[in-house]
Amino acid sequence: MFRHFVIGLLMMAGAGVAAFLGLWAYSLSNRSTPEQKLAALEKEVKPKGGEIFQTVLAGRPMVFLMLECSVYIIDASGEEIKKDKVLSPGFYFGLDVCTDQSISAEGEFVKVYLANRAIGAGGGNTSGGNYRSKDGMKWEKKTDKGWRPVDEAQP
């Protein structure tokens, strides 16, 4: 009787270990690569006018998401995609709409154009403009006086 109990206990322990190993192997094989995550994000944002843009800045590969006149730096290396907003045009009280946006690489810079327009009474004011960055974090805006840090540029 004791022998049957020990054999049953060992069989249950073996089944538990096998189930654990099976789930562990499944989770390893089912993980998405950063490239797969970016492809899925691009498929999600493209119908909304969004764009995934990859470039190299200061020797570092960078991934940007441009969506609704905002620019985000993307990190797809973890389990979840991280999005950090790094640039957006001026703010309006009320409704506004993104009328144009583009992103490109030029030399050591990533360049962005954003155009955001107010909707409603007095609509027609467009904010945004041309921006550039060497690292994706510190941005400059093109003004009549040349390139100025965004926080110093006049709207």
Foldseek 3Di string as FASTA:
>chain_A
DVVVVVVVVVVVVVVVVVVVVVVVVVVVVPQDALVRVVVVVQVVQVVQVKDWDWDAFPNRIWIWIQGFQWIWTWDSHDSDIDTDTQDHWDDDDADKGWPDKDWDDDPQKIKMFTWIWHDDVVIPDITTAIWIDRPSHWIWHQDPVGTDTPVPDDD
